[in-house]
């Protein structure tokens, strides 16, 4: 089934790079010596793209979301690139996107609350002197606290990118006006 195949490739980070990264793909095709590096690059790019699908701000402009959510059951031919071949696939994809919207919003709110209560840190301020003074005062980079236990944000896959974005924006909000 094409829809399940698309979802499997997406969740295992093995989707093709798509039109936007066609130049990179053509470089790998022209220079086969680079193919071993491709095996490391593609999952990273796909992980970033999958993480972006969980970000409420990115979701608002994501073409796949718009294509799927606003699709009508009588006109789904243009959705075949997402593995959607029938009305059942369309309903499943719409529910998947609704779940991503809900979980993205819930986790964004959770990370904002953690940051505002001092229980989430990012990479710190861009200004190295301010960051150094924070470190001297005991601040730790990319941590979330649950009581007395500090957890590295990298361990919170698949939402670590969202948590880091919230924390980095908070750490640098004085630069943003």
N, C-alpha and C. Protein backbone atom coordinates (compact mmCIF):
# COMPACT_ATOMS: atom_id res chain seq x y z
N UNK A 1 0.85 -1.18 0.00
CA UNK A 1 0.00 0.00 0.00
C UNK A 1 0.90 1.24 0.00
N UNK A 2 0.64 2.13 -0.91
CA UNK A 2 1.51 3.30 -1.12
C UNK A 2 1.51 4.24 0.08
N UNK A 3 0.35 4.42 0.73
CA UNK A 3 0.27 5.32 1.87
C UNK A 3 1.14 4.81 3.02
N UNK A 4 1.03 3.52 3.33
CA UNK A 4 1.85 2.95 4.41
C UNK A 4 3.33 3.00 4.06
N UNK A 5 3.66 2.77 2.80
CA UNK A 5 5.05 2.84 2.36
C UNK A 5 5.59 4.26 2.55
N UNK A 6 4.80 5.27 2.19
CA UNK A 6 5.21 6.67 2.37
C UNK A 6 5.42 6.96 3.86
N UNK A 7 4.48 6.53 4.72
CA UNK A 7 4.60 6.77 6.15
C UNK A 7 5.80 6.03 6.74
N UNK A 8 6.04 4.80 6.27
CA UNK A 8 7.19 4.03 6.76
C UNK A 8 8.49 4.72 6.40
N UNK A 9 8.63 5.14 5.14
CA UNK A 9 9.86 5.82 4.72
C UNK A 9 10.05 7.12 5.49
N UNK A 10 8.96 7.84 5.73
CA UNK A 10 9.07 9.09 6.47
C UNK A 10 9.51 8.83 7.90
N UNK A 11 8.89 7.86 8.57
CA UNK A 11 9.21 7.62 9.98
C UNK A 11 10.58 6.97 10.18
N UNK A 12 11.09 6.28 9.16
CA UNK A 12 12.43 5.70 9.27
C UNK A 12 13.49 6.60 8.65
N UNK A 13 13.08 7.81 8.27
CA UNK A 13 13.97 8.85 7.75
C UNK A 13 14.64 8.44 6.43
N UNK A 14 13.94 7.68 5.62
CA UNK A 14 14.52 7.20 4.37
C UNK A 14 13.79 7.73 3.13
N UNK A 15 13.00 8.79 3.28
CA UNK A 15 12.37 9.41 2.11
C UNK A 15 13.44 9.97 1.18
N UNK A 16 13.08 10.11 -0.07
CA UNK A 16 13.98 10.80 -1.00
C UNK A 16 14.12 12.24 -0.58
N UNK A 17 15.08 12.92 -1.12
CA UNK A 17 15.33 14.31 -0.71
C UNK A 17 14.35 15.30 -1.32
N UNK A 18 13.60 14.91 -2.33
CA UNK A 18 12.58 15.79 -2.88
C UNK A 18 13.14 16.84 -3.82
N UNK A 19 12.24 17.62 -4.37
CA UNK A 19 12.60 18.63 -5.36
C UNK A 19 13.55 19.69 -4.83
N UNK A 20 13.34 20.11 -3.58
CA UNK A 20 14.16 21.20 -3.02
C UNK A 20 15.64 20.84 -2.92
N UNK A 21 15.91 19.56 -2.78
CA UNK A 21 17.28 19.13 -2.60
C UNK A 21 17.78 18.33 -3.80
N UNK A 22 17.15 18.57 -4.94
CA UNK A 22 17.50 17.86 -6.16
C UNK A 22 18.96 18.08 -6.57
N UNK A 23 19.48 19.26 -6.34
CA UNK A 23 20.86 19.57 -6.69
C UNK A 23 21.82 18.67 -5.92
N UNK A 24 21.55 18.49 -4.63
CA UNK A 24 22.38 17.61 -3.82
C UNK A 24 22.30 16.18 -4.34
N UNK A 25 21.08 15.75 -4.68
CA UNK A 25 20.89 14.40 -5.22
C UNK A 25 21.67 14.24 -6.52
N UNK A 26 21.63 15.24 -7.40
CA UNK A 26 22.34 15.13 -8.68
C UNK A 26 23.85 15.10 -8.48
N UNK A 27 24.35 15.79 -7.45
CA UNK A 27 25.78 15.74 -7.14
C UNK A 27 26.19 14.32 -6.75
N UNK A 28 25.35 13.67 -5.96
CA UNK A 28 25.64 12.29 -5.58
C UNK A 28 25.58 11.37 -6.79
N UNK A 29 24.67 11.65 -7.70
CA UNK A 29 24.56 10.83 -8.91
C UNK A 29 25.77 11.01 -9.82
N UNK A 30 26.28 12.24 -9.91
CA UNK A 30 27.43 12.52 -10.79
C UNK A 30 28.75 12.05 -10.19
N UNK A 31 28.83 12.04 -8.87
CA UNK A 31 30.07 11.65 -8.20
C UNK A 31 29.78 10.49 -7.25
N UNK A 32 29.81 9.28 -7.77
CA UNK A 32 29.46 8.11 -6.95
C UNK A 32 30.33 7.94 -5.70
N UNK A 33 31.51 8.55 -5.70
CA UNK A 33 32.37 8.45 -4.52
C UNK A 33 31.71 9.08 -3.29
N UNK A 34 30.77 9.99 -3.53
CA UNK A 34 30.10 10.68 -2.43
C UNK A 34 28.94 9.89 -1.84
N UNK A 35 28.53 8.82 -2.50
CA UNK A 35 27.36 8.05 -2.06
C UNK A 35 27.47 7.59 -0.61
N UNK A 36 28.63 7.13 -0.12
CA UNK A 36 28.69 6.74 1.30
C UNK A 36 28.30 7.89 2.24
N UNK A 37 28.63 9.12 1.87
CA UNK A 37 28.27 10.25 2.71
C UNK A 37 26.77 10.52 2.66
N UNK A 38 26.16 10.21 1.52
CA UNK A 38 24.73 10.38 1.34
C UNK A 38 23.96 9.58 2.38
N UNK A 39 24.47 8.40 2.71
CA UNK A 39 23.78 7.56 3.70
C UNK A 39 23.72 8.22 5.07
N UNK A 40 24.61 9.17 5.34
CA UNK A 40 24.58 9.89 6.61
C UNK A 40 23.81 11.21 6.49
N UNK A 41 23.81 11.81 5.32
CA UNK A 41 23.16 13.09 5.13
C UNK A 41 21.65 12.95 5.03
N UNK A 42 21.18 11.98 4.26
CA UNK A 42 19.74 11.85 4.02
C UNK A 42 18.94 11.68 5.30
N UNK A 43 19.31 10.79 6.23
CA UNK A 43 18.51 10.70 7.46
C UNK A 43 18.49 12.00 8.26
N UNK A 44 19.60 12.73 8.28
CA UNK A 44 19.63 14.00 9.02
C UNK A 44 18.67 15.01 8.41
N UNK A 45 18.68 15.10 7.10
CA UNK A 45 17.77 16.03 6.42
C UNK A 45 16.33 15.60 6.64
N UNK A 46 16.06 14.30 6.50
CA UNK A 46 14.70 13.81 6.71
C UNK A 46 14.25 13.98 8.15
N UNK A 47 15.16 13.84 9.11
CA UNK A 47 14.82 14.07 10.52
C UNK A 47 14.42 15.53 10.72
N UNK A 48 15.19 16.43 10.14
CA UNK A 48 14.85 17.86 10.25
C UNK A 48 13.48 18.14 9.63
N UNK A 49 13.22 17.56 8.45
CA UNK A 49 11.94 17.79 7.77
C UNK A 49 10.78 17.19 8.57
N UNK A 50 10.99 16.02 9.18
CA UNK A 50 9.95 15.42 9.99
C UNK A 50 9.72 16.23 11.26
N UNK A 51 10.79 16.72 11.88
CA UNK A 51 10.65 17.59 13.05
C UNK A 51 9.87 18.85 12.70
N UNK A 52 10.13 19.38 11.52
CA UNK A 52 9.43 20.60 11.10
C UNK A 52 7.93 20.37 10.98
N UNK A 53 7.54 19.16 10.64
CA UNK A 53 6.11 18.86 10.53
C UNK A 53 5.41 18.89 11.88
N UNK A 54 6.16 18.86 12.97
CA UNK A 54 5.59 18.91 14.32
C UNK A 54 5.60 20.33 14.89
N UNK A 55 6.15 21.27 14.15
CA UNK A 55 6.26 22.65 14.63
C UNK A 55 5.04 23.45 14.16
N UNK A 56 4.24 23.97 15.09
CA UNK A 56 3.01 24.67 14.69
C UNK A 56 3.25 25.83 13.72
N UNK A 57 4.36 26.56 13.85
CA UNK A 57 4.61 27.67 12.94
C UNK A 57 4.92 27.18 11.52
N UNK A 58 5.68 26.10 11.42
CA UNK A 58 6.02 25.54 10.11
C UNK A 58 4.80 24.88 9.50
N UNK A 59 3.97 24.24 10.33
CA UNK A 59 2.78 23.57 9.83
C UNK A 59 1.89 24.54 9.06
N UNK A 60 1.83 25.77 9.52
CA UNK A 60 0.95 26.74 8.89
C UNK A 60 1.30 27.00 7.43
N UNK A 61 2.55 26.80 7.06
CA UNK A 61 2.97 27.07 5.68
C UNK A 61 3.39 25.80 4.94
N UNK A 62 3.24 24.65 5.56
CA UNK A 62 3.70 23.40 4.95
C UNK A 62 2.74 22.98 3.84
N UNK A 63 3.27 22.80 2.63
CA UNK A 63 2.42 22.49 1.48
C UNK A 63 1.73 21.13 1.62
N UNK A 64 2.40 20.15 2.21
CA UNK A 64 1.76 18.84 2.36
C UNK A 64 0.54 18.95 3.27
N UNK A 65 0.66 19.70 4.36
CA UNK A 65 -0.47 19.88 5.26
C UNK A 65 -1.64 20.51 4.51
N UNK A 66 -1.37 21.58 3.80
CA UNK A 66 -2.45 22.25 3.06
C UNK A 66 -3.07 21.32 2.02
N UNK A 67 -2.22 20.60 1.29
CA UNK A 67 -2.72 19.67 0.27
C UNK A 67 -3.65 18.63 0.88
N UNK A 68 -3.25 18.06 2.01
CA UNK A 68 -4.00 16.96 2.62
C UNK A 68 -5.24 17.46 3.35
N UNK A 69 -5.07 18.46 4.21
CA UNK A 69 -6.18 18.93 5.03
C UNK A 69 -7.32 19.48 4.18
N UNK A 70 -6.99 20.22 3.13
CA UNK A 70 -8.03 20.87 2.33
C UNK A 70 -8.48 20.03 1.12
N UNK A 71 -7.99 18.82 1.01
CA UNK A 71 -8.37 17.96 -0.12
C UNK A 71 -9.81 17.49 0.02
N UNK A 72 -10.45 17.35 -1.11
CA UNK A 72 -11.83 16.83 -1.17
C UNK A 72 -11.76 15.39 -1.65
N UNK A 73 -12.59 14.52 -1.10
CA UNK A 73 -12.55 13.10 -1.48
C UNK A 73 -12.74 12.84 -2.97
N UNK A 74 -13.39 13.76 -3.68
CA UNK A 74 -13.63 13.54 -5.11
C UNK A 74 -12.48 14.04 -5.99
N UNK A 75 -11.41 14.60 -5.35
CA UNK A 75 -10.29 15.12 -6.12
C UNK A 75 -8.99 14.85 -5.35
N UNK A 76 -8.45 13.64 -5.49
CA UNK A 76 -7.25 13.29 -4.72
C UNK A 76 -6.08 12.86 -5.61
N UNK A 77 -6.20 13.01 -6.90
CA UNK A 77 -5.12 12.57 -7.80
C UNK A 77 -3.79 13.25 -7.47
N UNK A 78 -3.84 14.53 -7.13
CA UNK A 78 -2.60 15.28 -6.85
C UNK A 78 -1.93 14.85 -5.55
N UNK A 79 -2.59 13.99 -4.77
CA UNK A 79 -2.04 13.54 -3.50
C UNK A 79 -1.26 12.24 -3.60
N UNK A 80 -1.14 11.70 -4.79
CA UNK A 80 -0.42 10.43 -4.96
C UNK A 80 1.05 10.54 -4.54
N UNK A 81 1.62 11.74 -4.62
CA UNK A 81 3.02 11.91 -4.20
C UNK A 81 3.19 11.67 -2.70
N UNK A 82 2.08 11.69 -1.94
CA UNK A 82 2.12 11.40 -0.51
C UNK A 82 1.63 9.97 -0.24
N UNK A 83 1.46 9.18 -1.28
CA UNK A 83 1.00 7.81 -1.14
C UNK A 83 -0.50 7.69 -0.97
N UNK A 84 -1.23 8.77 -1.17
CA UNK A 84 -2.68 8.76 -0.99
C UNK A 84 -3.33 8.38 -2.32
N UNK A 85 -3.97 7.22 -2.31
CA UNK A 85 -4.57 6.70 -3.54
C UNK A 85 -6.08 6.54 -3.47
N UNK A 86 -6.65 6.64 -2.28
CA UNK A 86 -8.10 6.50 -2.15
C UNK A 86 -8.59 7.33 -0.97
N UNK A 87 -9.91 7.33 -0.79
CA UNK A 87 -10.53 8.16 0.25
C UNK A 87 -10.09 7.71 1.65
N UNK A 88 -9.91 6.42 1.83
CA UNK A 88 -9.45 5.91 3.13
C UNK A 88 -8.06 6.45 3.47
N UNK A 89 -7.16 6.43 2.48
CA UNK A 89 -5.82 6.99 2.68
C UNK A 89 -5.90 8.46 3.02
N UNK A 90 -6.80 9.18 2.35
CA UNK A 90 -6.98 10.61 2.61
C UNK A 90 -7.42 10.85 4.04
N UNK A 91 -8.40 10.08 4.50
CA UNK A 91 -8.88 10.25 5.89
C UNK A 91 -7.76 9.94 6.89
N UNK A 92 -7.00 8.89 6.62
CA UNK A 92 -5.87 8.55 7.51
C UNK A 92 -4.83 9.66 7.52
N UNK A 93 -4.51 10.22 6.37
CA UNK A 93 -3.52 11.30 6.29
C UNK A 93 -4.04 12.55 7.00
N UNK A 94 -5.32 12.86 6.83
CA UNK A 94 -5.88 14.02 7.51
C UNK A 94 -5.82 13.83 9.03
N UNK A 95 -6.12 12.64 9.49
CA UNK A 95 -6.05 12.37 10.93
C UNK A 95 -4.60 12.42 11.42
N UNK A 96 -3.67 11.96 10.61
CA UNK A 96 -2.26 12.03 10.98
C UNK A 96 -1.84 13.50 11.15
N UNK A 97 -2.23 14.34 10.21
CA UNK A 97 -1.89 15.76 10.30
C UNK A 97 -2.58 16.42 11.49
N UNK A 98 -3.82 16.05 11.76
CA UNK A 98 -4.50 16.61 12.93
C UNK A 98 -3.75 16.22 14.21
N UNK A 99 -3.28 14.98 14.26
CA UNK A 99 -2.48 14.55 15.41
C UNK A 99 -1.18 15.32 15.54
N UNK A 100 -0.53 15.58 14.40
CA UNK A 100 0.72 16.37 14.43
C UNK A 100 0.45 17.79 14.90
N UNK A 101 -0.65 18.36 14.46
CA UNK A 101 -1.01 19.73 14.88
C UNK A 101 -1.23 19.76 16.38
N UNK A 102 -1.98 18.80 16.88
CA UNK A 102 -2.28 18.76 18.32
C UNK A 102 -1.02 18.52 19.13
N UNK A 103 -0.23 17.49 18.77
CA UNK A 103 0.98 17.21 19.57
C UNK A 103 1.99 18.34 19.46
N UNK A 104 2.12 18.94 18.29
CA UNK A 104 3.04 20.07 18.13
C UNK A 104 2.65 21.24 19.01
N UNK A 105 1.35 21.53 19.05
CA UNK A 105 0.86 22.64 19.88
C UNK A 105 1.03 22.33 21.36
N UNK A 106 0.70 21.11 21.76
CA UNK A 106 0.83 20.71 23.17
C UNK A 106 2.29 20.79 23.61
N UNK A 107 3.21 20.23 22.81
CA UNK A 107 4.62 20.25 23.20
C UNK A 107 5.21 21.66 23.15
N UNK A 108 4.78 22.48 22.20
CA UNK A 108 5.26 23.86 22.17
C UNK A 108 4.83 24.59 23.44
N UNK A 109 3.58 24.42 23.83
CA UNK A 109 3.08 25.04 25.06
C UNK A 109 3.83 24.51 26.27
N UNK A 110 4.09 23.21 26.30
CA UNK A 110 4.84 22.60 27.39
C UNK A 110 6.24 23.19 27.49
N UNK A 111 6.94 23.30 26.35
CA UNK A 111 8.30 23.85 26.36
C UNK A 111 8.30 25.33 26.74
N UNK A 112 7.34 26.09 26.28
CA UNK A 112 7.25 27.51 26.67
C UNK A 112 7.06 27.63 28.17
N UNK A 113 6.17 26.82 28.74
CA UNK A 113 5.95 26.85 30.19
C UNK A 113 7.22 26.45 30.95
N UNK A 114 7.91 25.42 30.46
CA UNK A 114 9.16 25.01 31.10
C UNK A 114 10.19 26.14 31.05
N UNK A 115 10.27 26.82 29.90
CA UNK A 115 11.25 27.91 29.79
C UNK A 115 10.88 29.05 30.74
N UNK A 116 9.62 29.41 30.77
CA UNK A 116 9.18 30.54 31.61
C UNK A 116 9.34 30.27 33.10
N UNK A 117 9.36 29.00 33.48
CA UNK A 117 9.57 28.66 34.90
C UNK A 117 11.03 28.36 35.21
N UNK A 118 11.92 28.57 34.22
CA UNK A 118 13.35 28.37 34.45
C UNK A 118 13.77 26.91 34.41
N UNK A 119 12.95 26.04 33.84
CA UNK A 119 13.24 24.61 33.81
C UNK A 119 13.66 24.12 32.43
N UNK A 120 14.02 25.04 31.53
CA UNK A 120 14.46 24.68 30.19
C UNK A 120 15.52 25.67 29.75
N UNK A 121 16.59 25.15 29.20
CA UNK A 121 17.65 26.03 28.70
C UNK A 121 18.04 25.59 27.29
N UNK A 122 18.46 26.56 26.49
CA UNK A 122 18.91 26.27 25.14
C UNK A 122 20.42 26.38 25.05
N UNK A 123 20.88 26.92 23.94
CA UNK A 123 22.32 27.12 23.74
C UNK A 123 22.83 28.38 24.41
N UNK A 124 21.92 29.15 24.99
CA UNK A 124 22.31 30.38 25.67
C UNK A 124 22.33 31.57 24.74
N UNK A 125 22.64 32.73 25.28
CA UNK A 125 22.66 33.95 24.48
C UNK A 125 23.76 33.92 23.41
N UNK A 126 23.49 34.58 22.31
CA UNK A 126 24.49 34.67 21.24
C UNK A 126 25.71 35.47 21.71
N UNK A 127 25.49 36.39 22.62
CA UNK A 127 26.58 37.20 23.18
C UNK A 127 27.40 36.32 24.12
N UNK A 128 28.64 36.04 23.73
CA UNK A 128 29.47 35.10 24.51
C UNK A 128 29.77 35.58 25.92
N UNK A 129 29.85 36.88 26.15
CA UNK A 129 30.13 37.37 27.51
C UNK A 129 28.94 37.11 28.43
N UNK A 130 27.73 37.29 27.90
CA UNK A 130 26.55 37.00 28.71
C UNK A 130 26.45 35.51 28.97
N UNK A 131 26.68 34.70 27.93
CA UNK A 131 26.63 33.25 28.08
C UNK A 131 27.66 32.77 29.10
N UNK A 132 28.85 33.34 29.06
CA UNK A 132 29.91 32.97 30.02
C UNK A 132 29.50 33.32 31.45
N UNK A 133 28.86 34.46 31.63
CA UNK A 133 28.41 34.84 32.98
C UNK A 133 27.31 33.89 33.46
N UNK A 134 26.43 33.44 32.55
CA UNK A 134 25.41 32.46 32.91
C UNK A 134 26.08 31.16 33.34
N UNK A 135 27.09 30.71 32.56
CA UNK A 135 27.78 29.45 32.88
C UNK A 135 28.49 29.56 34.23
N UNK A 136 29.11 30.71 34.48
CA UNK A 136 29.79 30.91 35.76
C UNK A 136 28.82 30.87 36.94
N UNK A 137 27.54 31.22 36.67
CA UNK A 137 26.52 31.21 37.72
C UNK A 137 25.86 29.84 37.87
N UNK A 138 26.30 28.84 37.06
CA UNK A 138 25.77 27.49 37.19
C UNK A 138 24.78 27.07 36.11
N UNK A 139 24.53 27.94 35.16
CA UNK A 139 23.61 27.61 34.07
C UNK A 139 24.18 26.47 33.23
N UNK A 140 23.32 25.56 32.77
CA UNK A 140 23.73 24.44 31.93
C UNK A 140 23.00 24.50 30.60
N UNK A 141 23.73 24.23 29.56
CA UNK A 141 23.23 24.31 28.18
C UNK A 141 22.34 23.11 27.84
N UNK A 142 21.24 23.39 27.08
CA UNK A 142 20.34 22.37 26.52
C UNK A 142 19.86 21.34 27.54
N UNK A 143 19.28 21.84 28.61
CA UNK A 143 18.76 20.97 29.67
C UNK A 143 17.30 21.28 29.94
N UNK A 144 16.59 20.23 30.37
CA UNK A 144 15.24 20.40 30.89
C UNK A 144 15.23 19.73 32.25
N UNK A 145 14.63 20.42 33.21
CA UNK A 145 14.61 19.90 34.57
C UNK A 145 13.24 19.39 34.91
N UNK A 146 13.25 18.24 35.58
CA UNK A 146 12.06 17.64 36.16
C UNK A 146 12.37 17.50 37.64
N UNK A 147 11.99 18.51 38.40
CA UNK A 147 12.39 18.56 39.80
C UNK A 147 13.89 18.83 39.85
N UNK A 148 14.62 17.98 40.53
CA UNK A 148 16.07 18.13 40.66
C UNK A 148 16.86 17.43 39.54
N UNK A 149 16.17 16.72 38.68
CA UNK A 149 16.82 15.94 37.64
C UNK A 149 16.88 16.73 36.35
N UNK A 150 18.09 16.96 35.86
CA UNK A 150 18.29 17.65 34.58
C UNK A 150 18.51 16.63 33.48
N UNK A 151 17.76 16.79 32.38
CA UNK A 151 17.85 15.86 31.25
C UNK A 151 18.32 16.62 30.03
N UNK A 152 19.30 16.06 29.33
CA UNK A 152 19.79 16.68 28.10
C UNK A 152 18.67 16.65 27.06
N UNK A 153 18.43 17.78 26.42
CA UNK A 153 17.36 17.88 25.42
C UNK A 153 17.53 16.90 24.26
N UNK A 154 18.75 16.52 23.94
CA UNK A 154 18.97 15.58 22.84
C UNK A 154 18.31 14.23 23.10
N UNK A 155 18.02 13.92 24.34
CA UNK A 155 17.40 12.64 24.68
C UNK A 155 15.88 12.66 24.50
N UNK A 156 15.33 13.81 24.20
CA UNK A 156 13.88 13.95 24.13
C UNK A 156 13.36 13.87 22.69
N UNK A 157 13.97 13.00 21.88
CA UNK A 157 13.49 12.78 20.51
C UNK A 157 12.05 12.31 20.57
N UNK A 158 11.20 12.68 19.69
CA UNK A 158 11.42 13.46 18.48
C UNK A 158 11.12 14.95 18.66
N UNK A 159 10.99 15.41 19.91
CA UNK A 159 10.60 16.80 20.13
C UNK A 159 11.75 17.68 20.60
N UNK A 160 12.99 17.17 20.57
CA UNK A 160 14.13 17.96 21.05
C UNK A 160 14.36 19.21 20.20
N UNK A 161 14.15 19.13 18.91
CA UNK A 161 14.37 20.30 18.05
C UNK A 161 13.40 21.41 18.41
N UNK A 162 12.17 21.04 18.67
CA UNK A 162 11.15 22.02 19.07
C UNK A 162 11.51 22.65 20.42
N UNK A 163 11.94 21.81 21.36
CA UNK A 163 12.35 22.32 22.68
C UNK A 163 13.54 23.25 22.59
N UNK A 164 14.52 22.89 21.77
CA UNK A 164 15.70 23.75 21.59
C UNK A 164 15.32 25.07 20.93
N UNK A 165 14.41 25.02 19.98
CA UNK A 165 13.98 26.26 19.32
C UNK A 165 13.33 27.21 20.31
N UNK A 166 12.43 26.68 21.13
CA UNK A 166 11.77 27.51 22.15
C UNK A 166 12.80 28.10 23.10
N UNK A 167 13.72 27.26 23.59
CA UNK A 167 14.73 27.72 24.54
C UNK A 167 15.68 28.73 23.92
N UNK A 168 16.11 28.50 22.68
CA UNK A 168 17.04 29.43 22.03
C UNK A 168 16.38 30.78 21.76
N UNK A 169 15.11 30.75 21.39
CA UNK A 169 14.38 32.02 21.20
C UNK A 169 14.29 32.75 22.53
N UNK A 170 13.97 32.01 23.60
CA UNK A 170 13.90 32.63 24.92
C UNK A 170 15.24 33.17 25.38
N UNK A 171 16.31 32.39 25.16
CA UNK A 171 17.64 32.82 25.58
C UNK A 171 18.10 34.08 24.84
N UNK A 172 17.58 34.31 23.66
CA UNK A 172 18.02 35.44 22.85
C UNK A 172 16.92 36.46 22.58
N UNK A 173 15.87 36.45 23.39
CA UNK A 173 14.73 37.34 23.12
C UNK A 173 15.11 38.81 23.22
N UNK A 174 16.12 39.12 23.99
CA UNK A 174 16.53 40.52 24.08
C UNK A 174 17.11 41.04 22.76
N UNK A 175 17.58 40.12 21.90
CA UNK A 175 18.10 40.51 20.59
C UNK A 175 16.98 40.72 19.57
N UNK A 176 15.81 40.17 19.87
CA UNK A 176 14.71 40.16 18.89
C UNK A 176 13.78 41.35 19.04
N UNK A 177 14.01 42.17 19.99
CA UNK A 177 13.21 43.39 20.12
C UNK A 177 12.04 43.31 20.99
